[in-house]
Amino acid sequence: MNRELEVQRGSIDHVVHIAQEQYTNLSTTFREVMFSYNEMELVHRENCKRQIQRSRFNALADGKTAQSVLTQIASRHKELLDLEKRIQGV
């Protein structure tokens, strides 16, 4: 887009410079937002892992059945897999 604008309007045109600055700023902001989103997803993943470990420990300490523990762990595992797919999509 920038090259097309330069060809149409000339490289010293103010519109070209404004468009280039806007493009640069938007690209930078988008990259920062995506890095932030990725960090939040990774934090969520770690929180899910800790929750699985706590659930397993608490369930065993409370004497819940193995089936109940496995159901809870499987649910958290599915959440982690979904989260990984979202991260890979980004």
C-alpha atoms as a PDB file:
ATOM      1  CA  MET A   1       0.000   0.000   0.000  1.00  0.00           C
ATOM      2  CA  ASN A   2       2.780   2.439   0.893  1.00  0.00           C
ATOM      3  CA  ARG A   3       4.565   1.874  -2.419  1.00  0.00           C
ATOM      4  CA  GLU A   4       1.354   2.413  -4.379  1.00  0.00           C
ATOM      5  CA  LEU A   5       0.745   5.658  -2.522  1.00  0.00           C
ATOM      6  CA  GLU A   6       4.300   6.819  -3.205  1.00  0.00           C
ATOM      7  CA  VAL A   7       3.911   6.086  -6.908  1.00  0.00           C
ATOM      8  CA  GLN A   8       0.556   7.870  -7.087  1.00  0.00           C
ATOM      9  CA  ARG A   9       1.374  10.910  -4.983  1.00  0.00           C
ATOM     10  CA  GLY A  10       5.164  11.114  -4.870  1.00  0.00           C
ATOM     11  CA  SER A  11       7.510  10.259  -2.028  1.00  0.00           C
ATOM     12  CA  ILE A  12       7.521  13.747  -0.499  1.00  0.00           C
ATOM     13  CA  ASP A  13       3.737  14.061  -0.217  1.00  0.00           C
ATOM     14  CA  HIS A  14       2.479  14.589   3.332  1.00  0.00           C
ATOM     15  CA  VAL A  15      -0.342  12.070   2.867  1.00  0.00           C
ATOM     16  CA  VAL A  16       2.235   9.381   2.135  1.00  0.00           C
ATOM     17  CA  HIS A  17       4.155  10.192   5.305  1.00  0.00           C
ATOM     18  CA  ILE A  18       0.984  10.216   7.404  1.00  0.00           C
ATOM     19  CA  ALA A  19      -0.104   6.874   5.945  1.00  0.00           C
ATOM     20  CA  GLN A  20       3.331   5.384   6.660  1.00  0.00           C
ATOM     21  CA  GLU A  21       3.246   6.628  10.267  1.00  0.00           C
ATOM     22  CA  GLN A  22      -0.274   5.276  10.781  1.00  0.00           C
ATOM     23  CA  TYR A  23       0.720   1.913   9.352  1.00  0.00           C
ATOM     24  CA  THR A  24       3.800   1.750  11.573  1.00  0.00           C
ATOM     25  CA  ASN A  25       1.847   2.741  14.683  1.00  0.00           C
ATOM     26  CA  LEU A  26      -0.973   0.291  13.998  1.00  0.00           C
ATOM     27  CA  SER A  27       1.463  -2.543  13.312  1.00  0.00           C
ATOM     28  CA  THR A  28       3.371  -1.827  16.510  1.00  0.00           C
ATOM     29  CA  THR A  29       0.196  -1.612  18.589  1.00  0.00           C
ATOM     30  CA  PHE A  30      -1.171  -4.815  17.075  1.00  0.00           C
ATOM     31  CA  ARG A  31       2.078  -6.658  17.826  1.00  0.00           C
ATOM     32  CA  GLU A  32       2.042  -5.406  21.435  1.00  0.00           C
ATOM     33  CA  VAL A  33      -1.577  -6.464  21.890  1.00  0.00           C
ATOM     34  CA  MET A  34      -0.854  -9.925  20.483  1.00  0.00           C
ATOM     35  CA  PHE A  35       2.157 -10.369  22.783  1.00  0.00           C
ATOM     36  CA  SER A  36       0.021  -9.315  25.732  1.00  0.00           C
ATOM     37  CA  TYR A  37      -2.743 -11.720  24.694  1.00  0.00           C
ATOM     38  CA  ASN A  38      -0.224 -14.542  24.369  1.00  0.00           C
ATOM     39  CA  GLU A  39       1.141 -13.805  27.857  1.00  0.00           C
ATOM     40  CA  MET A  40      -2.371 -13.849  29.323  1.00  0.00           C
ATOM     41  CA  GLU A  41      -3.097 -17.178  27.612  1.00  0.00           C
ATOM     42  CA  LEU A  42       0.106 -18.680  29.013  1.00  0.00           C
ATOM     43  CA  VAL A  43      -0.712 -17.420  32.514  1.00  0.00           C
ATOM     44  CA  HIS A  44      -4.175 -18.953  32.200  1.00  0.00           C
ATOM     45  CA  ARG A  45      -2.607 -22.243  31.136  1.00  0.00           C
ATOM     46  CA  GLU A  46      -0.321 -22.282  34.168  1.00  0.00           C
ATOM     47  CA  ASN A  47      -3.266 -21.453  36.427  1.00  0.00           C
ATOM     48  CA  CYS A  48      -5.184 -24.401  34.963  1.00  0.00           C
ATOM     49  CA  LYS A  49      -2.234 -26.695  35.624  1.00  0.00           C
ATOM     50  CA  ARG A  50      -2.048 -25.549  39.244  1.00  0.00           C
ATOM     51  CA  GLN A  51      -5.798 -26.013  39.616  1.00  0.00           C
ATOM     52  CA  ILE A  52      -5.490 -29.580  38.342  1.00  0.00           C
ATOM     53  CA  GLN A  53      -2.764 -30.315  40.868  1.00  0.00           C
ATOM     54  CA  ARG A  54      -4.743 -28.732  43.720  1.00  0.00           C
ATOM     55  CA  SER A  55      -7.905 -30.578  42.727  1.00  0.00           C
ATOM     56  CA  ARG A  56      -6.091 -33.869  42.627  1.00  0.00           C
ATOM     57  CA  PHE A  57      -4.461 -33.285  46.001  1.00  0.00           C
ATOM     58  CA  ASN A  58      -7.663 -32.018  47.633  1.00  0.00           C
ATOM     59  CA  ALA A  59      -9.735 -34.839  46.196  1.00  0.00           C
ATOM     60  CA  LEU A  60      -7.339 -37.461  47.417  1.00  0.00           C
ATOM     61  CA  ALA A  61      -7.106 -35.772  50.808  1.00  0.00           C
ATOM     62  CA  ASP A  62     -10.895 -35.610  51.042  1.00  0.00           C
ATOM     63  CA  GLY A  63     -11.244 -39.258  50.087  1.00  0.00           C
ATOM     64  CA  LYS A  64     -13.213 -38.676  46.884  1.00  0.00           C
ATOM     65  CA  THR A  65     -13.439 -41.537  44.468  1.00  0.00           C
ATOM     66  CA  ALA A  66     -10.841 -41.973  41.785  1.00  0.00           C
ATOM     67  CA  GLN A  67     -13.546 -41.548  39.139  1.00  0.00           C
ATOM     68  CA  SER A  68     -14.465 -38.127  40.515  1.00  0.00           C
ATOM     69  CA  VAL A  69     -10.831 -37.045  40.478  1.00  0.00           C
ATOM     70  CA  LEU A  70     -10.362 -38.302  36.929  1.00  0.00           C
ATOM     71  CA  THR A  71     -13.456 -36.435  35.755  1.00  0.00           C
ATOM     72  CA  GLN A  72     -12.159 -33.169  37.211  1.00  0.00           C
ATOM     73  CA  ILE A  73      -8.691 -33.695  35.765  1.00  0.00           C
ATOM     74  CA  ALA A  74     -10.109 -34.599  32.348  1.00  0.00           C
ATOM     75  CA  SER A  75     -12.174 -31.415  32.365  1.00  0.00           C
ATOM     76  CA  ARG A  76      -9.127 -29.271  33.121  1.00  0.00           C
ATOM     77  CA  HIS A  77      -7.101 -31.166  30.536  1.00  0.00           C
ATOM     78  CA  LYS A  78      -9.717 -30.380  27.893  1.00  0.00           C
ATOM     79  CA  GLU A  79      -9.531 -26.701  28.864  1.00  0.00           C
ATOM     80  CA  LEU A  80      -5.750 -26.796  28.429  1.00  0.00           C
ATOM     81  CA  LEU A  81      -6.040 -28.410  25.001  1.00  0.00           C
ATOM     82  CA  ASP A  82      -8.554 -25.780  23.903  1.00  0.00           C
ATOM     83  CA  LEU A  83      -6.236 -23.074  25.206  1.00  0.00           C
ATOM     84  CA  GLU A  84      -3.280 -24.520  23.292  1.00  0.00           C
ATOM     85  CA  LYS A  85      -5.330 -24.508  20.081  1.00  0.00           C
ATOM     86  CA  ARG A  86      -6.192 -20.836  20.615  1.00  0.00           C
ATOM     87  CA  ILE A  87      -2.528 -20.000  21.267  1.00  0.00           C
ATOM     88  CA  GLN A  88      -1.448 -21.840  18.116  1.00  0.00           C
ATOM     89  CA  GLY A  89      -4.130 -19.987  16.154  1.00  0.00           C
ATOM     90  CA  VAL A  90      -2.644 -16.688  17.232  1.00  0.00           C
END
